[in-house]
Amino acid sequence: MYRFMDRPVTSLAPAEQILLWSMRSWVAAMAGQRCPCAALGPSFERWRLADLLGNFNVAMFLLNVEGAAPRVFCRENCAHVRDDEAALLVLFHAAADGDLRQTRRLAEQAVKPEAVTPFIAAIGEVADVLRRAPVPRPL
């Protein structure tokens, strides 16, 4: 988590910036009573990451509804990564690296027990799409 916390957004890899923007935009859409998929969809299309949208929405929905604790996200234009955002970036990295033990441990900290399995599945699919997409590594 500490590798991302308080870092400037501009220092993140492109895939990490996309994830961070997506998390913040999803939260902003929900706060504004807008459909998150409609809000994020055009950007995902432009980035050629349309396959990401469904599972990303599921992961964020589970975090929102079945979260183990409230999470705090910055606004979309915030210049630095916050604690909760950093924790989720680490979770996505663990899934992308195939580290099932760490992915499960982090997921168990993020959501209630009954949501862990679908949450891990959604996070894993998002990580797989980003790994296969023409988005530069490390994710």
N, C-alpha and C. Protein backbone atom coordinates (compact mmCIF):
# COMPACT_ATOMS: atom_id res chain seq x y z
N MET A 1 0.82 -1.18 0.00
CA MET A 1 0.00 0.00 0.00
C MET A 1 0.87 1.25 0.00
N TYR A 2 1.98 1.19 0.74
CA TYR A 2 2.81 2.37 0.89
C TYR A 2 3.48 2.79 -0.42
N ARG A 3 3.59 1.86 -1.36
CA ARG A 3 4.22 2.25 -2.63
C ARG A 3 3.34 3.19 -3.45
N PHE A 4 2.05 3.26 -3.12
CA PHE A 4 1.14 4.15 -3.83
C PHE A 4 0.67 5.35 -3.01
N MET A 5 0.65 5.22 -1.71
CA MET A 5 0.06 6.24 -0.85
C MET A 5 0.78 7.59 -0.99
N ASP A 6 -0.03 8.62 -1.19
CA ASP A 6 0.44 9.99 -1.31
C ASP A 6 1.30 10.26 -2.54
N ARG A 7 1.37 9.29 -3.45
CA ARG A 7 2.13 9.53 -4.68
C ARG A 7 1.35 10.44 -5.60
N PRO A 8 2.05 11.23 -6.40
CA PRO A 8 1.36 12.02 -7.41
C PRO A 8 0.74 11.09 -8.45
N VAL A 9 -0.46 11.39 -8.87
CA VAL A 9 -1.14 10.57 -9.86
C VAL A 9 -0.30 10.46 -11.13
N THR A 10 0.37 11.54 -11.49
CA THR A 10 1.18 11.55 -12.72
C THR A 10 2.37 10.59 -12.65
N SER A 11 2.74 10.14 -11.46
CA SER A 11 3.85 9.20 -11.33
C SER A 11 3.41 7.74 -11.50
N LEU A 12 2.11 7.51 -11.56
CA LEU A 12 1.59 6.15 -11.72
C LEU A 12 1.72 5.69 -13.16
N ALA A 13 1.83 4.39 -13.33
CA ALA A 13 1.82 3.80 -14.67
C ALA A 13 0.44 4.04 -15.30
N PRO A 14 0.35 4.02 -16.62
CA PRO A 14 -0.95 4.28 -17.28
C PRO A 14 -2.09 3.40 -16.79
N ALA A 15 -1.88 2.11 -16.60
CA ALA A 15 -2.95 1.23 -16.12
C ALA A 15 -3.39 1.62 -14.72
N GLU A 16 -2.44 2.03 -13.89
CA GLU A 16 -2.77 2.47 -12.53
C GLU A 16 -3.56 3.77 -12.56
N GLN A 17 -3.20 4.67 -13.46
CA GLN A 17 -3.94 5.91 -13.60
C GLN A 17 -5.37 5.63 -14.05
N ILE A 18 -5.53 4.70 -14.97
CA ILE A 18 -6.87 4.33 -15.44
C ILE A 18 -7.69 3.76 -14.29
N LEU A 19 -7.11 2.86 -13.51
CA LEU A 19 -7.84 2.30 -12.37
C LEU A 19 -8.22 3.37 -11.36
N LEU A 20 -7.28 4.25 -11.05
CA LEU A 20 -7.55 5.30 -10.08
C LEU A 20 -8.65 6.22 -10.58
N TRP A 21 -8.55 6.67 -11.82
CA TRP A 21 -9.58 7.53 -12.39
C TRP A 21 -10.93 6.81 -12.38
N SER A 22 -10.92 5.52 -12.70
CA SER A 22 -12.16 4.75 -12.75
C SER A 22 -12.80 4.62 -11.38
N MET A 23 -11.99 4.36 -10.35
CA MET A 23 -12.52 4.28 -8.99
C MET A 23 -13.17 5.61 -8.59
N ARG A 24 -12.44 6.68 -8.80
CA ARG A 24 -12.94 8.00 -8.43
C ARG A 24 -14.19 8.37 -9.23
N SER A 25 -14.18 8.06 -10.50
CA SER A 25 -15.33 8.39 -11.36
C SER A 25 -16.55 7.56 -11.00
N TRP A 26 -16.34 6.29 -10.64
CA TRP A 26 -17.45 5.43 -10.24
C TRP A 26 -18.10 6.01 -8.98
N VAL A 27 -17.29 6.38 -8.01
CA VAL A 27 -17.80 6.95 -6.76
C VAL A 27 -18.53 8.26 -7.04
N ALA A 28 -17.95 9.11 -7.89
CA ALA A 28 -18.58 10.39 -8.22
C ALA A 28 -19.92 10.18 -8.92
N ALA A 29 -19.98 9.21 -9.81
CA ALA A 29 -21.24 8.92 -10.51
C ALA A 29 -22.31 8.49 -9.51
N MET A 30 -21.96 7.60 -8.62
CA MET A 30 -22.92 7.14 -7.61
C MET A 30 -23.37 8.29 -6.72
N ALA A 31 -22.43 9.12 -6.32
CA ALA A 31 -22.78 10.26 -5.46
C ALA A 31 -23.70 11.24 -6.18
N GLY A 32 -23.54 11.33 -7.50
CA GLY A 32 -24.39 12.20 -8.30
C GLY A 32 -25.64 11.53 -8.82
N GLN A 33 -25.91 10.32 -8.32
CA GLN A 33 -27.09 9.53 -8.71
C GLN A 33 -27.14 9.28 -10.22
N ARG A 34 -25.95 9.04 -10.80
CA ARG A 34 -25.85 8.67 -12.21
C ARG A 34 -25.41 7.22 -12.31
N CYS A 35 -25.71 6.61 -13.41
CA CYS A 35 -25.28 5.23 -13.66
C CYS A 35 -23.77 5.21 -13.88
N PRO A 36 -23.02 4.47 -13.06
CA PRO A 36 -21.57 4.44 -13.23
C PRO A 36 -21.13 3.88 -14.59
N CYS A 37 -21.86 2.89 -15.08
CA CYS A 37 -21.48 2.31 -16.38
C CYS A 37 -21.64 3.33 -17.50
N ALA A 38 -22.71 4.12 -17.44
CA ALA A 38 -22.92 5.16 -18.45
C ALA A 38 -21.86 6.25 -18.32
N ALA A 39 -21.44 6.55 -17.10
CA ALA A 39 -20.44 7.58 -16.87
C ALA A 39 -19.05 7.14 -17.33
N LEU A 40 -18.69 5.88 -17.07
CA LEU A 40 -17.36 5.39 -17.40
C LEU A 40 -17.26 4.79 -18.80
N GLY A 41 -18.36 4.31 -19.32
CA GLY A 41 -18.37 3.59 -20.59
C GLY A 41 -17.66 4.29 -21.74
N PRO A 42 -17.96 5.56 -22.01
CA PRO A 42 -17.29 6.22 -23.14
C PRO A 42 -15.77 6.26 -23.01
N SER A 43 -15.26 6.48 -21.82
CA SER A 43 -13.80 6.48 -21.63
C SER A 43 -13.22 5.09 -21.83
N PHE A 44 -13.90 4.08 -21.31
CA PHE A 44 -13.42 2.71 -21.49
C PHE A 44 -13.41 2.34 -22.97
N GLU A 45 -14.41 2.77 -23.70
CA GLU A 45 -14.45 2.53 -25.16
C GLU A 45 -13.26 3.22 -25.83
N ARG A 46 -13.03 4.48 -25.49
CA ARG A 46 -11.94 5.25 -26.10
C ARG A 46 -10.60 4.59 -25.82
N TRP A 47 -10.44 4.03 -24.62
CA TRP A 47 -9.19 3.36 -24.25
C TRP A 47 -9.11 1.93 -24.76
N ARG A 48 -10.16 1.49 -25.45
CA ARG A 48 -10.26 0.10 -25.94
C ARG A 48 -10.24 -0.90 -24.78
N LEU A 49 -10.94 -0.53 -23.70
CA LEU A 49 -11.04 -1.37 -22.50
C LEU A 49 -12.49 -1.66 -22.14
N ALA A 50 -13.35 -1.73 -23.15
CA ALA A 50 -14.78 -1.95 -22.89
C ALA A 50 -15.02 -3.23 -22.10
N ASP A 51 -14.18 -4.25 -22.29
CA ASP A 51 -14.34 -5.51 -21.56
C ASP A 51 -14.12 -5.35 -20.06
N LEU A 52 -13.52 -4.27 -19.67
CA LEU A 52 -13.23 -4.00 -18.27
C LEU A 52 -14.46 -3.55 -17.49
N LEU A 53 -15.39 -2.89 -18.17
CA LEU A 53 -16.46 -2.18 -17.50
C LEU A 53 -17.35 -3.05 -16.60
N GLY A 54 -17.81 -4.17 -17.09
CA GLY A 54 -18.73 -5.00 -16.32
C GLY A 54 -18.14 -5.48 -15.00
N ASN A 55 -16.96 -6.06 -15.06
CA ASN A 55 -16.34 -6.57 -13.84
C ASN A 55 -15.86 -5.46 -12.92
N PHE A 56 -15.41 -4.35 -13.50
CA PHE A 56 -15.03 -3.22 -12.66
C PHE A 56 -16.25 -2.72 -11.89
N ASN A 57 -17.38 -2.62 -12.57
CA ASN A 57 -18.61 -2.18 -11.93
C ASN A 57 -19.01 -3.14 -10.81
N VAL A 58 -18.90 -4.43 -11.05
CA VAL A 58 -19.23 -5.43 -10.02
C VAL A 58 -18.32 -5.25 -8.81
N ALA A 59 -17.02 -5.10 -9.04
CA ALA A 59 -16.08 -4.94 -7.93
C ALA A 59 -16.40 -3.70 -7.10
N MET A 60 -16.66 -2.60 -7.78
CA MET A 60 -16.97 -1.36 -7.06
C MET A 60 -18.32 -1.44 -6.35
N PHE A 61 -19.28 -2.09 -6.99
CA PHE A 61 -20.59 -2.27 -6.36
C PHE A 61 -20.45 -3.09 -5.08
N LEU A 62 -19.71 -4.18 -5.15
CA LEU A 62 -19.51 -5.01 -3.96
C LEU A 62 -18.78 -4.22 -2.87
N LEU A 63 -17.79 -3.46 -3.26
CA LEU A 63 -17.08 -2.63 -2.29
C LEU A 63 -18.03 -1.62 -1.65
N ASN A 64 -18.92 -1.08 -2.44
CA ASN A 64 -19.88 -0.08 -1.95
C ASN A 64 -20.94 -0.70 -1.04
N VAL A 65 -21.50 -1.81 -1.45
CA VAL A 65 -22.62 -2.42 -0.73
C VAL A 65 -22.17 -3.38 0.37
N GLU A 66 -21.09 -4.12 0.11
CA GLU A 66 -20.63 -5.15 1.04
C GLU A 66 -19.27 -4.81 1.65
N GLY A 67 -18.90 -3.56 1.60
CA GLY A 67 -17.60 -3.15 2.13
C GLY A 67 -17.48 -3.42 3.62
N ALA A 68 -16.29 -3.82 4.03
CA ALA A 68 -16.04 -4.10 5.44
C ALA A 68 -15.99 -2.81 6.25
N ALA A 69 -15.68 -1.70 5.59
CA ALA A 69 -15.61 -0.39 6.25
C ALA A 69 -15.82 0.68 5.19
N PRO A 70 -16.22 1.85 5.59
CA PRO A 70 -16.34 2.94 4.61
C PRO A 70 -14.99 3.26 3.98
N ARG A 71 -15.02 3.60 2.72
CA ARG A 71 -13.81 3.96 1.97
C ARG A 71 -13.88 5.42 1.57
N VAL A 72 -12.73 6.05 1.47
CA VAL A 72 -12.65 7.45 1.08
C VAL A 72 -11.88 7.55 -0.23
N PHE A 73 -12.50 8.22 -1.20
CA PHE A 73 -11.88 8.43 -2.51
C PHE A 73 -11.79 9.92 -2.76
N CYS A 74 -10.73 10.33 -3.44
CA CYS A 74 -10.59 11.73 -3.86
C CYS A 74 -11.51 12.01 -5.03
N ARG A 75 -11.65 13.28 -5.33
CA ARG A 75 -12.33 13.67 -6.56
C ARG A 75 -11.46 13.27 -7.74
N GLU A 76 -12.07 13.24 -8.91
CA GLU A 76 -11.37 12.77 -10.10
C GLU A 76 -10.10 13.55 -10.41
N ASN A 77 -10.05 14.83 -10.08
CA ASN A 77 -8.89 15.65 -10.43
C ASN A 77 -7.88 15.81 -9.29
N CYS A 78 -8.03 15.07 -8.23
CA CYS A 78 -7.10 15.13 -7.10
C CYS A 78 -5.71 14.69 -7.58
N ALA A 79 -4.69 15.38 -7.12
CA ALA A 79 -3.33 15.17 -7.64
C ALA A 79 -2.57 14.03 -6.97
N HIS A 80 -3.06 13.50 -5.84
CA HIS A 80 -2.34 12.46 -5.12
C HIS A 80 -3.24 11.27 -4.80
N VAL A 81 -2.63 10.14 -4.54
CA VAL A 81 -3.34 8.90 -4.20
C VAL A 81 -3.60 8.86 -2.71
N ARG A 82 -4.86 8.60 -2.34
CA ARG A 82 -5.24 8.48 -0.92
C ARG A 82 -5.04 7.06 -0.43
N ASP A 83 -5.13 6.87 0.88
CA ASP A 83 -4.89 5.58 1.52
C ASP A 83 -5.77 4.46 0.94
N ASP A 84 -7.08 4.67 0.92
CA ASP A 84 -7.99 3.63 0.45
C ASP A 84 -7.78 3.33 -1.02
N GLU A 85 -7.46 4.34 -1.80
CA GLU A 85 -7.18 4.13 -3.21
C GLU A 85 -5.90 3.31 -3.38
N ALA A 86 -4.89 3.61 -2.57
CA ALA A 86 -3.63 2.87 -2.61
C ALA A 86 -3.85 1.41 -2.27
N ALA A 87 -4.68 1.13 -1.27
CA ALA A 87 -4.97 -0.25 -0.89
C ALA A 87 -5.61 -1.02 -2.04
N LEU A 88 -6.51 -0.37 -2.77
CA LEU A 88 -7.15 -1.04 -3.90
C LEU A 88 -6.18 -1.24 -5.06
N LEU A 89 -5.29 -0.31 -5.28
CA LEU A 89 -4.28 -0.50 -6.32
C LEU A 89 -3.40 -1.70 -6.00
N VAL A 90 -3.04 -1.87 -4.73
CA VAL A 90 -2.25 -3.03 -4.31
C VAL A 90 -3.04 -4.31 -4.55
N LEU A 91 -4.32 -4.28 -4.26
CA LEU A 91 -5.19 -5.45 -4.50
C LEU A 91 -5.22 -5.81 -5.98
N PHE A 92 -5.39 -4.82 -6.84
CA PHE A 92 -5.38 -5.10 -8.29
C PHE A 92 -4.02 -5.67 -8.72
N HIS A 93 -2.94 -5.15 -8.17
CA HIS A 93 -1.60 -5.67 -8.50
C HIS A 93 -1.44 -7.12 -8.05
N ALA A 94 -1.91 -7.42 -6.85
CA ALA A 94 -1.81 -8.80 -6.36
C ALA A 94 -2.55 -9.76 -7.29
N ALA A 95 -3.73 -9.35 -7.74
CA ALA A 95 -4.51 -10.18 -8.67
C ALA A 95 -3.78 -10.30 -10.01
N ALA A 96 -3.23 -9.21 -10.51
CA ALA A 96 -2.51 -9.23 -11.78
C ALA A 96 -1.27 -10.12 -11.71
N ASP A 97 -0.64 -10.16 -10.54
CA ASP A 97 0.55 -10.98 -10.35
C ASP A 97 0.22 -12.45 -10.09
N GLY A 98 -1.07 -12.76 -9.95
CA GLY A 98 -1.48 -14.13 -9.64
C GLY A 98 -1.20 -14.53 -8.21
N ASP A 99 -1.02 -13.57 -7.33
CA ASP A 99 -0.75 -13.84 -5.92
C ASP A 99 -2.09 -14.04 -5.20
N LEU A 100 -2.60 -15.26 -5.27
CA LEU A 100 -3.92 -15.56 -4.72
C LEU A 100 -3.99 -15.36 -3.22
N ARG A 101 -2.91 -15.69 -2.53
CA ARG A 101 -2.91 -15.55 -1.07
C ARG A 101 -3.06 -14.08 -0.66
N GLN A 102 -2.27 -13.20 -1.28
CA GLN A 102 -2.38 -11.78 -0.94
C GLN A 102 -3.69 -11.20 -1.45
N THR A 103 -4.14 -11.63 -2.63
CA THR A 103 -5.41 -11.14 -3.16
C THR A 103 -6.53 -11.46 -2.18
N ARG A 104 -6.57 -12.70 -1.69
CA ARG A 104 -7.62 -13.10 -0.74
C ARG A 104 -7.50 -12.31 0.56
N ARG A 105 -6.29 -12.16 1.07
CA ARG A 105 -6.09 -11.42 2.33
C ARG A 105 -6.58 -9.98 2.20
N LEU A 106 -6.24 -9.34 1.10
CA LEU A 106 -6.66 -7.96 0.88
C LEU A 106 -8.17 -7.86 0.64
N ALA A 107 -8.71 -8.82 -0.08
CA ALA A 107 -10.16 -8.83 -0.33
C ALA A 107 -10.92 -9.04 0.97
N GLU A 108 -10.41 -9.89 1.85
CA GLU A 108 -11.07 -10.12 3.14
C GLU A 108 -11.06 -8.87 4.01
N GLN A 109 -10.08 -8.01 3.80
CA GLN A 109 -10.04 -6.73 4.53
C GLN A 109 -10.97 -5.70 3.91
N ALA A 110 -11.28 -5.88 2.61
CA ALA A 110 -12.06 -4.88 1.88
C ALA A 110 -13.57 -5.11 1.96
N VAL A 111 -14.00 -6.37 1.91
CA VAL A 111 -15.44 -6.65 1.86
C VAL A 111 -15.83 -7.69 2.90
N LYS A 112 -17.12 -7.76 3.16
CA LYS A 112 -17.66 -8.74 4.11
C LYS A 112 -17.42 -10.16 3.58
N PRO A 113 -17.38 -11.15 4.49
CA PRO A 113 -17.04 -12.51 4.10
C PRO A 113 -17.86 -13.08 2.94
N GLU A 114 -19.16 -12.81 2.90
CA GLU A 114 -19.99 -13.37 1.84
C GLU A 114 -19.71 -12.77 0.47
N ALA A 115 -19.02 -11.65 0.44
CA ALA A 115 -18.72 -10.98 -0.84
C ALA A 115 -17.29 -11.24 -1.33
N VAL A 116 -16.48 -11.92 -0.53
CA VAL A 116 -15.07 -12.11 -0.89
C VAL A 116 -14.90 -12.84 -2.22
N THR A 117 -15.57 -13.95 -2.40
CA THR A 117 -15.39 -14.74 -3.62
C THR A 117 -15.80 -13.98 -4.88
N PRO A 118 -16.99 -13.38 -4.94
CA PRO A 118 -17.32 -12.63 -6.16
C PRO A 118 -16.45 -11.38 -6.34
N PHE A 119 -16.01 -10.79 -5.24
CA PHE A 119 -15.13 -9.62 -5.32
C PHE A 119 -13.79 -10.02 -5.94
N ILE A 120 -13.22 -11.12 -5.47
CA ILE A 120 -11.95 -11.60 -6.03
C ILE A 120 -12.11 -11.94 -7.51
N ALA A 121 -13.22 -12.56 -7.86
CA ALA A 121 -13.45 -12.92 -9.27
C ALA A 121 -13.50 -11.66 -10.15
N ALA A 122 -14.21 -10.65 -9.69
CA ALA A 122 -14.32 -9.41 -10.47
C ALA A 122 -12.97 -8.71 -10.57
N ILE A 123 -12.25 -8.62 -9.47
CA ILE A 123 -10.92 -7.98 -9.46
C ILE A 123 -9.98 -8.75 -10.40
N GLY A 124 -10.05 -10.06 -10.34
CA GLY A 124 -9.20 -10.89 -11.20
C GLY A 124 -9.48 -10.67 -12.67
N GLU A 125 -10.74 -10.55 -13.03
CA GLU A 125 -11.09 -10.30 -14.43
C GLU A 125 -10.61 -8.93 -14.88
N VAL A 126 -10.75 -7.94 -14.03
CA VAL A 126 -10.25 -6.60 -14.37
C VAL A 126 -8.74 -6.65 -14.59
N ALA A 127 -8.03 -7.30 -13.69
CA ALA A 127 -6.58 -7.41 -13.82
C ALA A 127 -6.20 -8.14 -15.10
N ASP A 128 -6.95 -9.20 -15.45
CA ASP A 128 -6.67 -9.94 -16.69
C ASP A 128 -6.86 -9.07 -17.92
N VAL A 129 -7.94 -8.30 -17.95
CA VAL A 129 -8.19 -7.41 -19.10
C VAL A 129 -7.06 -6.41 -19.22
N LEU A 130 -6.65 -5.80 -18.11
CA LEU A 130 -5.57 -4.81 -18.16
C LEU A 130 -4.24 -5.45 -18.56
N ARG A 131 -4.02 -6.68 -18.14
CA ARG A 131 -2.78 -7.37 -18.49
C ARG A 131 -2.71 -7.65 -19.99
N ARG A 132 -3.86 -7.96 -20.59
CA ARG A 132 -3.91 -8.29 -22.02
C ARG A 132 -4.04 -7.05 -22.91
N ALA A 133 -4.48 -5.96 -22.35
CA ALA A 133 -4.77 -4.75 -23.13
C ALA A 133 -3.48 -4.06 -23.56
N PRO A 134 -3.58 -3.20 -24.56
CA PRO A 134 -2.41 -2.45 -24.99
C PRO A 134 -2.11 -1.28 -24.05
N VAL A 135 -2.17 -1.55 -22.76
CA VAL A 135 -1.84 -0.56 -21.74
C VAL A 135 -0.45 -0.96 -21.21
N PRO A 136 0.49 -0.04 -21.17
CA PRO A 136 1.83 -0.40 -20.71
C PRO A 136 1.82 -1.00 -19.31
N ARG A 137 2.73 -1.89 -19.04
CA ARG A 137 2.89 -2.50 -17.72
C ARG A 137 3.16 -1.41 -16.71
N PRO A 138 3.14 -1.65 -15.41
CA PRO A 138 3.34 -2.89 -14.73
C PRO A 138 2.09 -3.71 -14.47
N LEU A 139 0.89 -3.15 -14.62
CA LEU A 139 -0.30 -3.93 -14.29
C LEU A 139 -0.74 -4.75 -15.46
